[in-house]
PDB file of all heavy atoms in Angstrom:
ATOM      1  N   ALA A   1      12.888  11.769 -30.353  1.00  0.00           N
ATOM      2  CA  ALA A   1      11.807  12.757 -30.351  1.00  0.00           C
ATOM      3  C   ALA A   1      10.460  12.081 -30.546  1.00  0.00           C
ATOM      4  O   ALA A   1       9.468  12.432 -29.905  1.00  0.00           O
ATOM      5  CB  ALA A   1      12.059  13.802 -31.437  1.00  0.00           C
ATOM      6  N   ARG A   2      10.435  11.074 -31.437  1.00  0.00           N
ATOM      7  CA  ARG A   2       9.179  10.364 -31.659  1.00  0.00           C
ATOM      8  C   ARG A   2       8.774   9.569 -30.426  1.00  0.00           C
ATOM      9  O   ARG A   2       7.598   9.470 -30.092  1.00  0.00           O
ATOM     10  CB  ARG A   2       9.319   9.436 -32.879  1.00  0.00           C
ATOM     11  CG  ARG A   2       9.327  10.177 -34.213  1.00  0.00           C
ATOM     12  CD  ARG A   2       9.042   9.210 -35.358  1.00  0.00           C
ATOM     13  NE  ARG A   2      10.068   8.180 -35.469  1.00  0.00           N
ATOM     14  CZ  ARG A   2      11.166   8.308 -36.220  1.00  0.00           C
ATOM     15  NH1 ARG A   2      11.379   9.428 -36.892  1.00  0.00           N
ATOM     16  NH2 ARG A   2      12.038   7.323 -36.287  1.00  0.00           N
ATOM     17  N   ARG A   3       9.771   9.005 -29.735  1.00  0.00           N
ATOM     18  CA  ARG A   3       9.459   8.228 -28.532  1.00  0.00           C
ATOM     19  C   ARG A   3       8.886   9.118 -27.440  1.00  0.00           C
ATOM     20  O   ARG A   3       7.981   8.736 -26.709  1.00  0.00           O
ATOM     21  CB  ARG A   3      10.713   7.536 -28.015  1.00  0.00           C
ATOM     22  CG  ARG A   3      11.157   6.352 -28.871  1.00  0.00           C
ATOM     23  CD  ARG A   3      12.427   5.759 -28.298  1.00  0.00           C
ATOM     24  NE  ARG A   3      12.876   4.606 -29.067  1.00  0.00           N
ATOM     25  CZ  ARG A   3      14.026   3.983 -28.843  1.00  0.00           C
ATOM     26  NH1 ARG A   3      14.823   4.407 -27.870  1.00  0.00           N
ATOM     27  NH2 ARG A   3      14.373   2.945 -29.587  1.00  0.00           N
ATOM     28  N   ASP A   4       9.464  10.325 -27.276  1.00  0.00           N
ATOM     29  CA  ASP A   4       9.051  11.213 -26.200  1.00  0.00           C
ATOM     30  C   ASP A   4       7.792  11.997 -26.522  1.00  0.00           C
ATOM     31  O   ASP A   4       7.168  12.570 -25.632  1.00  0.00           O
ATOM     32  CB  ASP A   4      10.179  12.199 -25.864  1.00  0.00           C
ATOM     33  CG  ASP A   4      11.409  11.479 -25.299  1.00  0.00           C
ATOM     34  OD1 ASP A   4      11.221  10.375 -24.777  1.00  0.00           O
ATOM     35  OD2 ASP A   4      12.511  12.029 -25.391  1.00  0.00           O
ATOM     36  N   ALA A   5       7.438  12.046 -27.799  1.00  0.00           N
ATOM     37  CA  ALA A   5       6.257  12.817 -28.179  1.00  0.00           C
ATOM     38  C   ALA A   5       4.997  12.157 -27.624  1.00  0.00           C
ATOM     39  O   ALA A   5       4.915  10.932 -27.541  1.00  0.00           O
ATOM     40  CB  ALA A   5       6.169  12.906 -29.704  1.00  0.00           C
ATOM     41  N   PRO A   6       4.029  12.960 -27.204  1.00  0.00           N
ATOM     42  CA  PRO A   6       2.780  12.371 -26.675  1.00  0.00           C
ATOM     43  C   PRO A   6       2.057  11.570 -27.753  1.00  0.00           C
ATOM     44  O   PRO A   6       2.002  11.962 -28.917  1.00  0.00           O
ATOM     45  CB  PRO A   6       1.963  13.611 -26.261  1.00  0.00           C
ATOM     46  CG  PRO A   6       2.568  14.750 -27.026  1.00  0.00           C
ATOM     47  CD  PRO A   6       4.013  14.415 -27.195  1.00  0.00           C
ATOM     48  N   LYS A   7       1.536  10.416 -27.327  1.00  0.00           N
ATOM     49  CA  LYS A   7       0.839   9.569 -28.281  1.00  0.00           C
ATOM     50  C   LYS A   7      -0.502  10.186 -28.664  1.00  0.00           C
ATOM     51  O   LYS A   7      -1.192  10.772 -27.834  1.00  0.00           O
ATOM     52  CB  LYS A   7       0.630   8.178 -27.683  1.00  0.00           C
ATOM     53  CG  LYS A   7       1.914   7.415 -27.434  1.00  0.00           C
ATOM     54  CD  LYS A   7       1.618   6.041 -26.863  1.00  0.00           C
ATOM     55  CE  LYS A   7       2.905   5.259 -26.625  1.00  0.00           C
ATOM     56  NZ  LYS A   7       2.662   3.924 -26.058  1.00  0.00           N
ATOM     57  N   GLN A   8      -0.837  10.052 -29.916  1.00  0.00           N
ATOM     58  CA  GLN A   8      -2.100  10.583 -30.426  1.00  0.00           C
ATOM     59  C   GLN A   8      -3.117   9.452 -30.562  1.00  0.00           C
ATOM     60  O   GLN A   8      -2.799   8.378 -31.068  1.00  0.00           O
ATOM     61  CB  GLN A   8      -1.884  11.254 -31.792  1.00  0.00           C
ATOM     62  CG  GLN A   8      -0.884  12.409 -31.767  1.00  0.00           C
ATOM     63  CD  GLN A   8      -1.343  13.548 -30.871  1.00  0.00           C
ATOM     64  OE1 GLN A   8      -2.524  13.903 -30.876  1.00  0.00           O
ATOM     65  NE2 GLN A   8      -0.422  14.123 -30.132  1.00  0.00           N
ATOM     66  N   TYR A   9      -4.314   9.698 -30.069  1.00  0.00           N
ATOM     67  CA  TYR A   9      -5.378   8.710 -30.131  1.00  0.00           C
ATOM     68  C   TYR A   9      -6.561   9.273 -30.905  1.00  0.00           C
ATOM     69  O   TYR A   9      -6.845  10.467 -30.859  1.00  0.00           O
ATOM     70  CB  TYR A   9      -5.822   8.305 -28.722  1.00  0.00           C
ATOM     71  CG  TYR A   9      -4.759   7.622 -27.908  1.00  0.00           C
ATOM     72  CD1 TYR A   9      -3.985   8.339 -27.004  1.00  0.00           C
ATOM     73  CD2 TYR A   9      -4.522   6.259 -28.038  1.00  0.00           C
ATOM     74  CE1 TYR A   9      -2.998   7.707 -26.250  1.00  0.00           C
ATOM     75  CE2 TYR A   9      -3.545   5.621 -27.286  1.00  0.00           C
ATOM     76  CZ  TYR A   9      -2.794   6.352 -26.398  1.00  0.00           C
ATOM     77  OH  TYR A   9      -1.813   5.722 -25.657  1.00  0.00           O
ATOM     78  N   ASP A  10      -7.228   8.387 -31.593  1.00  0.00           N
ATOM     79  CA  ASP A  10      -8.418   8.780 -32.321  1.00  0.00           C
ATOM     80  C   ASP A  10      -9.545   9.047 -31.327  1.00  0.00           C
ATOM     81  O   ASP A  10      -9.927   8.148 -30.559  1.00  0.00           O
ATOM     82  CB  ASP A  10      -8.816   7.661 -33.294  1.00  0.00           C
ATOM     83  CG  ASP A  10      -9.973   8.062 -34.200  1.00  0.00           C
ATOM     84  OD1 ASP A  10     -10.600   9.103 -33.942  1.00  0.00           O
ATOM     85  OD2 ASP A  10     -10.247   7.317 -35.162  1.00  0.00           O
ATOM     86  N   PRO A  11     -10.102  10.258 -31.295  1.00  0.00           N
ATOM     87  CA  PRO A  11     -11.187  10.564 -30.338  1.00  0.00           C
ATOM     88  C   PRO A  11     -12.385   9.630 -30.476  1.00  0.00           C
ATOM     89  O   PRO A  11     -13.139   9.442 -29.522  1.00  0.00           O
ATOM     90  CB  PRO A  11     -11.565  12.002 -30.698  1.00  0.00           C
ATOM     91  CG  PRO A  11     -10.361  12.573 -31.371  1.00  0.00           C
ATOM     92  CD  PRO A  11      -9.744  11.432 -32.109  1.00  0.00           C
ATOM     93  N   LYS A  12     -12.548   9.013 -31.625  1.00  0.00           N
ATOM     94  CA  LYS A  12     -13.693   8.123 -31.823  1.00  0.00           C
ATOM     95  C   LYS A  12     -13.617   6.888 -30.926  1.00  0.00           C
ATOM     96  O   LYS A  12     -14.637   6.259 -30.664  1.00  0.00           O
ATOM     97  CB  LYS A  12     -13.763   7.694 -33.295  1.00  0.00           C
ATOM     98  CG  LYS A  12     -14.090   8.828 -34.256  1.00  0.00           C
ATOM     99  CD  LYS A  12     -14.154   8.331 -35.691  1.00  0.00           C
ATOM    100  CE  LYS A  12     -14.486   9.463 -36.647  1.00  0.00           C
ATOM    101  NZ  LYS A  12     -14.526   8.996 -38.056  1.00  0.00           N
ATOM    102  N   LEU A  13     -12.380   6.555 -30.488  1.00  0.00           N
ATOM    103  CA  LEU A  13     -12.237   5.397 -29.622  1.00  0.00           C
ATOM    104  C   LEU A  13     -12.956   5.591 -28.290  1.00  0.00           C
ATOM    105  O   LEU A  13     -13.328   4.628 -27.623  1.00  0.00           O
ATOM    106  CB  LEU A  13     -10.757   5.114 -29.358  1.00  0.00           C
ATOM    107  CG  LEU A  13      -9.909   4.695 -30.570  1.00  0.00           C
ATOM    108  CD1 LEU A  13      -8.442   4.610 -30.182  1.00  0.00           C
ATOM    109  CD2 LEU A  13     -10.384   3.350 -31.102  1.00  0.00           C
ATOM    110  N   PHE A  14     -13.157   6.843 -27.890  1.00  0.00           N
ATOM    111  CA  PHE A  14     -13.738   7.130 -26.580  1.00  0.00           C
ATOM    112  C   PHE A  14     -15.094   7.819 -26.655  1.00  0.00           C
ATOM    113  O   PHE A  14     -15.655   8.170 -25.616  1.00  0.00           O
ATOM    114  CB  PHE A  14     -12.773   8.021 -25.780  1.00  0.00           C
ATOM    115  CG  PHE A  14     -11.386   7.462 -25.675  1.00  0.00           C
ATOM    116  CD1 PHE A  14     -10.370   7.940 -26.486  1.00  0.00           C
ATOM    117  CD2 PHE A  14     -11.097   6.448 -24.784  1.00  0.00           C
ATOM    118  CE1 PHE A  14      -9.088   7.424 -26.399  1.00  0.00           C
ATOM    119  CE2 PHE A  14      -9.824   5.923 -24.688  1.00  0.00           C
ATOM    120  CZ  PHE A  14      -8.812   6.405 -25.493  1.00  0.00           C
ATOM    121  N   GLN A  15     -15.634   8.005 -27.833  1.00  0.00           N
ATOM    122  CA  GLN A  15     -16.850   8.794 -27.959  1.00  0.00           C
ATOM    123  C   GLN A  15     -18.077   8.138 -27.315  1.00  0.00           C
ATOM    124  O   GLN A  15     -19.045   8.833 -26.988  1.00  0.00           O
ATOM    125  CB  GLN A  15     -17.139   9.078 -29.438  1.00  0.00           C
ATOM    126  CG  GLN A  15     -17.453   7.848 -30.269  1.00  0.00           C
ATOM    127  CD  GLN A  15     -17.684   8.188 -31.728  1.00  0.00           C
ATOM    128  OE1 GLN A  15     -17.539   9.339 -32.136  1.00  0.00           O
ATOM    129  NE2 GLN A  15     -18.053   7.204 -32.530  1.00  0.00           N
ATOM    130  N   GLU A  16     -18.048   6.823 -27.109  1.00  0.00           N
ATOM    131  CA  GLU A  16     -19.178   6.143 -26.488  1.00  0.00           C
ATOM    132  C   GLU A  16     -19.063   6.038 -24.973  1.00  0.00           C
ATOM    133  O   GLU A  16     -19.983   5.557 -24.308  1.00  0.00           O
ATOM    134  CB  GLU A  16     -19.343   4.736 -27.085  1.00  0.00           C
ATOM    135  CG  GLU A  16     -19.588   4.726 -28.591  1.00  0.00           C
ATOM    136  CD  GLU A  16     -20.836   5.517 -28.981  1.00  0.00           C
ATOM    137  OE1 GLU A  16     -21.813   5.474 -28.200  1.00  0.00           O
ATOM    138  OE2 GLU A  16     -20.812   6.180 -30.021  1.00  0.00           O
ATOM    139  N   LEU A  17     -17.914   6.487 -24.426  1.00  0.00           N
ATOM    140  CA  LEU A  17     -17.741   6.409 -22.974  1.00  0.00           C
ATOM    141  C   LEU A  17     -18.515   7.517 -22.281  1.00  0.00           C
ATOM    142  O   LEU A  17     -18.530   8.661 -22.736  1.00  0.00           O
ATOM    143  CB  LEU A  17     -16.256   6.511 -22.615  1.00  0.00           C
ATOM    144  CG  LEU A  17     -15.359   5.372 -23.102  1.00  0.00           C
ATOM    145  CD1 LEU A  17     -13.920   5.623 -22.682  1.00  0.00           C
ATOM    146  CD2 LEU A  17     -15.834   4.037 -22.530  1.00  0.00           C
ATOM    147  N   ARG A  18     -19.161   7.191 -21.175  1.00  0.00           N
ATOM    148  CA  ARG A  18     -19.946   8.158 -20.420  1.00  0.00           C
ATOM    149  C   ARG A  18     -19.658   7.979 -18.926  1.00  0.00           C
ATOM    150  O   ARG A  18     -19.485   6.868 -18.454  1.00  0.00           O
ATOM    151  CB  ARG A  18     -21.455   7.974 -20.652  1.00  0.00           C
ATOM    152  CG  ARG A  18     -21.894   8.125 -22.088  1.00  0.00           C
ATOM    153  CD  ARG A  18     -21.826   9.577 -22.555  1.00  0.00           C
ATOM    154  NE  ARG A  18     -22.355   9.717 -23.911  1.00  0.00           N
ATOM    155  CZ  ARG A  18     -21.626   9.593 -25.005  1.00  0.00           C
ATOM    156  NH1 ARG A  18     -20.327   9.293 -24.900  1.00  0.00           N
ATOM    157  NH2 ARG A  18     -22.172   9.746 -26.194  1.00  0.00           N
ATOM    158  N   TRP A  19     -19.616   9.103 -18.220  1.00  0.00           N
ATOM    159  CA  TRP A  19     -19.493   9.029 -16.773  1.00  0.00           C
ATOM    160  C   TRP A  19     -20.802   8.561 -16.176  1.00  0.00           C
ATOM    161  O   TRP A  19     -21.878   8.903 -16.642  1.00  0.00           O
ATOM    162  CB  TRP A  19     -19.149  10.409 -16.199  1.00  0.00           C
ATOM    163  CG  TRP A  19     -17.765  10.873 -16.516  1.00  0.00           C
ATOM    164  CD1 TRP A  19     -17.400  11.771 -17.470  1.00  0.00           C
ATOM    165  CD2 TRP A  19     -16.552  10.463 -15.876  1.00  0.00           C
ATOM    166  NE1 TRP A  19     -16.048  11.953 -17.477  1.00  0.00           N
ATOM    167  CE2 TRP A  19     -15.496  11.158 -16.501  1.00  0.00           C
ATOM    168  CE3 TRP A  19     -16.276   9.580 -14.839  1.00  0.00           C
ATOM    169  CZ2 TRP A  19     -14.176  11.003 -16.121  1.00  0.00           C
ATOM    170  CZ3 TRP A  19     -14.949   9.423 -14.457  1.00  0.00           C
ATOM    171  CH2 TRP A  19     -13.910  10.131 -15.095  1.00  0.00           C
ATOM    172  N   ARG A  20     -20.719   7.763 -15.103  1.00  0.00           N
ATOM    173  CA  ARG A  20     -21.921   7.329 -14.404  1.00  0.00           C
ATOM    174  C   ARG A  20     -21.616   7.225 -12.914  1.00  0.00           C
ATOM    175  O   ARG A  20     -20.488   6.973 -12.515  1.00  0.00           O
ATOM    176  CB  ARG A  20     -22.409   5.977 -14.924  1.00  0.00           C
ATOM    177  CG  ARG A  20     -21.436   4.827 -14.758  1.00  0.00           C
ATOM    178  CD  ARG A  20     -21.925   3.564 -15.442  1.00  0.00           C
ATOM    179  NE  ARG A  20     -20.985   2.470 -15.318  1.00  0.00           N
ATOM    180  CZ  ARG A  20     -20.976   1.594 -14.324  1.00  0.00           C
ATOM    181  NH1 ARG A  20     -21.888   1.679 -13.372  1.00  0.00           N
ATOM    182  NH2 ARG A  20     -20.077   0.620 -14.277  1.00  0.00           N
ATOM    183  N   LEU A  21     -22.621   7.453 -12.104  1.00  0.00           N
ATOM    184  CA  LEU A  21     -22.467   7.352 -10.672  1.00  0.00           C
ATOM    185  C   LEU A  21     -22.428   5.884 -10.256  1.00  0.00           C
ATOM    186  O   LEU A  21     -23.325   5.113 -10.610  1.00  0.00           O
ATOM    187  CB  LEU A  21     -23.643   8.050  -9.972  1.00  0.00           C
ATOM    188  CG  LEU A  21     -23.660   7.957  -8.447  1.00  0.00           C
ATOM    189  CD1 LEU A  21     -22.458   8.670  -7.847  1.00  0.00           C
ATOM    190  CD2 LEU A  21     -24.962   8.537  -7.900  1.00  0.00           C
ATOM    191  N   ILE A  22     -21.398   5.502  -9.505  1.00  0.00           N
ATOM    192  CA  ILE A  22     -21.289   4.111  -9.061  1.00  0.00           C
ATOM    193  C   ILE A  22     -21.305   3.996  -7.541  1.00  0.00           C
ATOM    194  O   ILE A  22     -21.138   2.910  -7.003  1.00  0.00           O
ATOM    195  CB  ILE A  22     -20.020   3.438  -9.626  1.00  0.00           C
ATOM    196  CG1 ILE A  22     -18.759   4.164  -9.172  1.00  0.00           C
ATOM    197  CG2 ILE A  22     -20.089   3.358 -11.148  1.00  0.00           C
ATOM    198  CD1 ILE A  22     -17.476   3.464  -9.580  1.00  0.00           C
ATOM    199  N   GLY A  23     -21.503   5.124  -6.820  1.00  0.00           N
ATOM    200  CA  GLY A  23     -21.642   5.077  -5.374  1.00  0.00           C
ATOM    201  C   GLY A  23     -20.315   5.166  -4.654  1.00  0.00           C
ATOM    202  O   GLY A  23     -19.277   5.386  -5.281  1.00  0.00           O
ATOM    203  N   PRO A  24     -20.344   4.965  -3.332  1.00  0.00           N
ATOM    204  CA  PRO A  24     -21.532   4.762  -2.492  1.00  0.00           C
ATOM    205  C   PRO A  24     -22.416   6.004  -2.497  1.00  0.00           C
ATOM    206  O   PRO A  24     -21.906   7.121  -2.389  1.00  0.00           O
ATOM    207  CB  PRO A  24     -20.965   4.515  -1.086  1.00  0.00           C
ATOM    208  CG  PRO A  24     -19.512   4.248  -1.280  1.00  0.00           C
ATOM    209  CD  PRO A  24     -19.111   4.917  -2.534  1.00  0.00           C
ATOM    210  N   SER A  25     -23.720   5.813  -2.576  1.00  0.00           N
ATOM    211  CA  SER A  25     -24.628   6.933  -2.789  1.00  0.00           C
ATOM    212  C   SER A  25     -24.690   7.872  -1.590  1.00  0.00           C
ATOM    213  O   SER A  25     -25.035   9.042  -1.735  1.00  0.00           O
ATOM    214  CB  SER A  25     -26.031   6.414  -3.108  1.00  0.00           C
ATOM    215  OG  SER A  25     -26.521   5.600  -2.049  1.00  0.00           O
ATOM    216  N   ARG A  26     -24.363   7.382  -0.373  1.00  0.00           N
ATOM    217  CA  ARG A  26     -24.387   8.232   0.806  1.00  0.00           C
ATOM    218  C   ARG A  26     -22.999   8.393   1.413  1.00  0.00           C
ATOM    219  O   ARG A  26     -22.861   8.592   2.612  1.00  0.00           O
ATOM    220  CB  ARG A  26     -25.353   7.654   1.850  1.00  0.00           C
ATOM    221  CG  ARG A  26     -26.791   7.595   1.402  1.00  0.00           C
ATOM    222  CD  ARG A  26     -27.322   8.972   1.027  1.00  0.00           C
ATOM    223  NE  ARG A  26     -27.330   9.882   2.160  1.00  0.00           N
ATOM    224  CZ  ARG A  26     -28.348  10.001   3.020  1.00  0.00           C
ATOM    225  NH1 ARG A  26     -29.434   9.270   2.861  1.00  0.00           N
ATOM    226  NH2 ARG A  26     -28.293  10.848   4.015  1.00  0.00           N
ATOM    227  N   GLY A  27     -21.997   8.299   0.582  1.00  0.00           N
ATOM    228  CA  GLY A  27     -20.630   8.378   1.106  1.00  0.00           C
ATOM    229  C   GLY A  27     -20.166   9.784   1.396  1.00  0.00           C
ATOM    230  O   GLY A  27     -19.207   9.986   2.114  1.00  0.00           O
ATOM    231  N   GLY A  28     -20.828  10.790   0.823  1.00  0.00           N
ATOM    232  CA  GLY A  28     -20.396  12.159   1.024  1.00  0.00           C
ATOM    233  C   GLY A  28     -19.234  12.530   0.118  1.00  0.00           C
ATOM    234  O   GLY A  28     -18.841  11.785  -0.767  1.00  0.00           O
ATOM    235  N   ARG A  29     -18.673  13.717   0.337  1.00  0.00           N
ATOM    236  CA  ARG A  29     -17.553  14.158  -0.498  1.00  0.00           C
ATOM    237  C   ARG A  29     -16.326  13.292  -0.198  1.00  0.00           C
ATOM    238  O   ARG A  29     -16.220  12.681   0.857  1.00  0.00           O
ATOM    239  CB  ARG A  29     -17.265  15.637  -0.279  1.00  0.00           C
ATOM    240  CG  ARG A  29     -16.691  15.987   1.068  1.00  0.00           C
ATOM    241  CD  ARG A  29     -16.566  17.499   1.226  1.00  0.00           C
ATOM    242  NE  ARG A  29     -15.851  17.840   2.445  1.00  0.00           N
ATOM    243  CZ  ARG A  29     -16.406  17.936   3.630  1.00  0.00           C
ATOM    244  NH1 ARG A  29     -17.691  17.702   3.772  1.00  0.00           N
ATOM    245  NH2 ARG A  29     -15.669  18.259   4.688  1.00  0.00           N
ATOM    246  N   VAL A  30     -15.416  13.278  -1.144  1.00  0.00           N
ATOM    247  CA  VAL A  30     -14.306  12.333  -1.048  1.00  0.00           C
ATOM    248  C   VAL A  30     -13.014  12.976  -1.529  1.00  0.00           C
ATOM    249  O   VAL A  30     -13.015  13.733  -2.501  1.00  0.00           O
ATOM    250  CB  VAL A  30     -14.607  11.048  -1.860  1.00  0.00           C
ATOM    251  CG1 VAL A  30     -14.874  11.383  -3.315  1.00  0.00           C
ATOM    252  CG2 VAL A  30     -13.468  10.055  -1.770  1.00  0.00           C
ATOM    253  N   LEU A  31     -11.918  12.671  -0.839  1.00  0.00           N
ATOM    254  CA  LEU A  31     -10.584  13.106  -1.239  1.00  0.00           C
ATOM    255  C   LEU A  31      -9.669  11.930  -1.552  1.00  0.00           C
ATOM    256  O   LEU A  31      -8.591  12.122  -2.092  1.00  0.00           O
ATOM    257  CB  LEU A  31      -9.942  13.930  -0.115  1.00  0.00           C
ATOM    258  CG  LEU A  31     -10.626  15.248   0.242  1.00  0.00           C
ATOM    259  CD1 LEU A  31      -9.976  15.862   1.468  1.00  0.00           C
ATOM    260  CD2 LEU A  31     -10.579  16.218  -0.922  1.00  0.00           C
ATOM    261  N   ALA A  32     -10.095  10.715  -1.185  1.00  0.00           N
ATOM    262  CA  ALA A  32      -9.207   9.555  -1.286  1.00  0.00           C
ATOM    263  C   ALA A  32      -9.876   8.427  -2.062  1.00  0.00           C
ATOM    264  O   ALA A  32     -10.863   7.852  -1.609  1.00  0.00           O
ATOM    265  CB  ALA A  32      -8.823   9.074   0.104  1.00  0.00           C
ATOM    266  N   VAL A  33      -9.330   8.112  -3.219  1.00  0.00           N
ATOM    267  CA  VAL A  33      -9.780   6.974  -4.032  1.00  0.00           C
ATOM    268  C   VAL A  33      -8.544   6.293  -4.601  1.00  0.00           C
ATOM    269  O   VAL A  33      -7.610   6.965  -5.046  1.00  0.00           O
ATOM    270  CB  VAL A  33     -10.694   7.420  -5.186  1.00  0.00           C
ATOM    271  CG1 VAL A  33     -11.055   6.234  -6.062  1.00  0.00           C
ATOM    272  CG2 VAL A  33     -11.962   8.081  -4.666  1.00  0.00           C
ATOM    273  N   THR A  34      -8.528   4.975  -4.594  1.00  0.00           N
ATOM    274  CA  THR A  34      -7.397   4.271  -5.196  1.00  0.00           C
ATOM    275  C   THR A  34      -7.851   2.928  -5.745  1.00  0.00           C
ATOM    276  O   THR A  34      -8.781   2.310  -5.219  1.00  0.00           O
ATOM    277  CB  THR A  34      -6.263   4.042  -4.175  1.00  0.00           C
ATOM    278  OG1 THR A  34      -5.124   3.476  -4.839  1.00  0.00           O
ATOM    279  CG2 THR A  34      -6.698   3.110  -3.058  1.00  0.00           C
ATOM    280  N   GLY A  35      -7.200   2.510  -6.809  1.00  0.00           N
ATOM    281  CA  GLY A  35      -7.430   1.187  -7.361  1.00  0.00           C
ATOM    282  C   GLY A  35      -6.346   0.228  -6.908  1.00  0.00           C
ATOM    283  O   GLY A  35      -5.486   0.562  -6.088  1.00  0.00           O
ATOM    284  N   VAL A  36      -6.383  -0.973  -7.470  1.00  0.00           N
ATOM    285  CA  VAL A  36      -5.404  -2.011  -7.139  1.00  0.00           C
ATOM    286  C   VAL A  36      -4.752  -2.465  -8.436  1.00  0.00           C
ATOM    287  O   VAL A  36      -5.446  -2.875  -9.378  1.00  0.00           O
ATOM    288  CB  VAL A  36      -6.076  -3.206  -6.427  1.00  0.00           C
ATOM    289  CG1 VAL A  36      -5.052  -4.287  -6.148  1.00  0.00           C
ATOM    290  CG2 VAL A  36      -6.752  -2.746  -5.140  1.00  0.00           C
ATOM    291  N   ARG A  37      -3.444  -2.411  -8.472  1.00  0.00           N
ATOM    292  CA  ARG A  37      -2.707  -2.767  -9.682  1.00  0.00           C
ATOM    293  C   ARG A  37      -2.989  -4.213 -10.069  1.00  0.00           C
ATOM    294  O   ARG A  37      -2.881  -5.129  -9.250  1.00  0.00           O
ATOM    295  CB  ARG A  37      -1.215  -2.562  -9.457  1.00  0.00           C
ATOM    296  CG  ARG A  37      -0.349  -2.887 -10.667  1.00  0.00           C
ATOM    297  CD  ARG A  37       1.105  -2.617 -10.387  1.00  0.00           C
ATOM    298  NE  ARG A  37       1.363  -1.201 -10.159  1.00  0.00           N
ATOM    299  CZ  ARG A  37       2.586  -0.693  -9.947  1.00  0.00           C
ATOM    300  NH1 ARG A  37       3.640  -1.497  -9.921  1.00  0.00           N
ATOM    301  NH2 ARG A  37       2.749   0.598  -9.742  1.00  0.00           N
ATOM    302  N   GLY A  38      -3.383  -4.416 -11.328  1.00  0.00           N
ATOM    303  CA  GLY A  38      -3.642  -5.760 -11.835  1.00  0.00           C
ATOM    304  C   GLY A  38      -5.002  -6.318 -11.473  1.00  0.00           C
ATOM    305  O   GLY A  38      -5.336  -7.439 -11.877  1.00  0.00           O
ATOM    306  N   GLN A  39      -5.800  -5.574 -10.722  1.00  0.00           N
ATOM    307  CA  GLN A  39      -7.141  -6.024 -10.322  1.00  0.00           C
ATOM    308  C   GLN A  39      -8.135  -4.891 -10.598  1.00  0.00           C
ATOM    309  O   GLN A  39      -8.525  -4.153  -9.686  1.00  0.00           O
ATOM    310  CB  GLN A  39      -7.155  -6.426  -8.849  1.00  0.00           C
ATOM    311  CG  GLN A  39      -6.168  -7.523  -8.502  1.00  0.00           C
ATOM    312  CD  GLN A  39      -6.187  -7.874  -7.024  1.00  0.00           C
ATOM    313  OE1 GLN A  39      -7.228  -8.200  -6.453  1.00  0.00           O
ATOM    314  NE2 GLN A  39      -5.023  -7.810  -6.383  1.00  0.00           N
ATOM    315  N   PRO A  40      -8.559  -4.719 -11.841  1.00  0.00           N
ATOM    316  CA  PRO A  40      -9.338  -3.545 -12.239  1.00  0.00           C
ATOM    317  C   PRO A  40     -10.722  -3.438 -11.615  1.00  0.00           C
ATOM    318  O   PRO A  40     -11.343  -2.372 -11.706  1.00  0.00           O
ATOM    319  CB  PRO A  40      -9.429  -3.700 -13.766  1.00  0.00           C
ATOM    320  CG  PRO A  40      -9.254  -5.157 -14.016  1.00  0.00           C
ATOM    321  CD  PRO A  40      -8.302  -5.637 -12.966  1.00  0.00           C
ATOM    322  N   GLU A  41     -11.226  -4.477 -10.989  1.00  0.00           N
ATOM    323  CA  GLU A  41     -12.559  -4.394 -10.394  1.00  0.00           C
ATOM    324  C   GLU A  41     -12.519  -4.092  -8.900  1.00  0.00           C
ATOM    325  O   GLU A  41     -13.566  -3.957  -8.263  1.00  0.00           O
ATOM    326  CB  GLU A  41     -13.328  -5.690 -10.638  1.00  0.00           C
ATOM    327  CG  GLU A  41     -13.645  -5.920 -12.112  1.00  0.00           C
ATOM    328  CD  GLU A  41     -14.682  -6.996 -12.308  1.00  0.00           C
ATOM    329  OE1 GLU A  41     -14.916  -7.774 -11.374  1.00  0.00           O
ATOM    330  OE2 GLU A  41     -15.270  -7.053 -13.403  1.00  0.00           O
TER     331      GLU A  41
END
């Protein structure tokens, strides 16, 4: 039960995070975005 229970995180860990626009500024609306496993940039 403890393993399956959702992990609890301290909200303070994320309080400094803010959304920001990273572009492309003229790309228009979007339905498809994906990252690359192991390559966070």
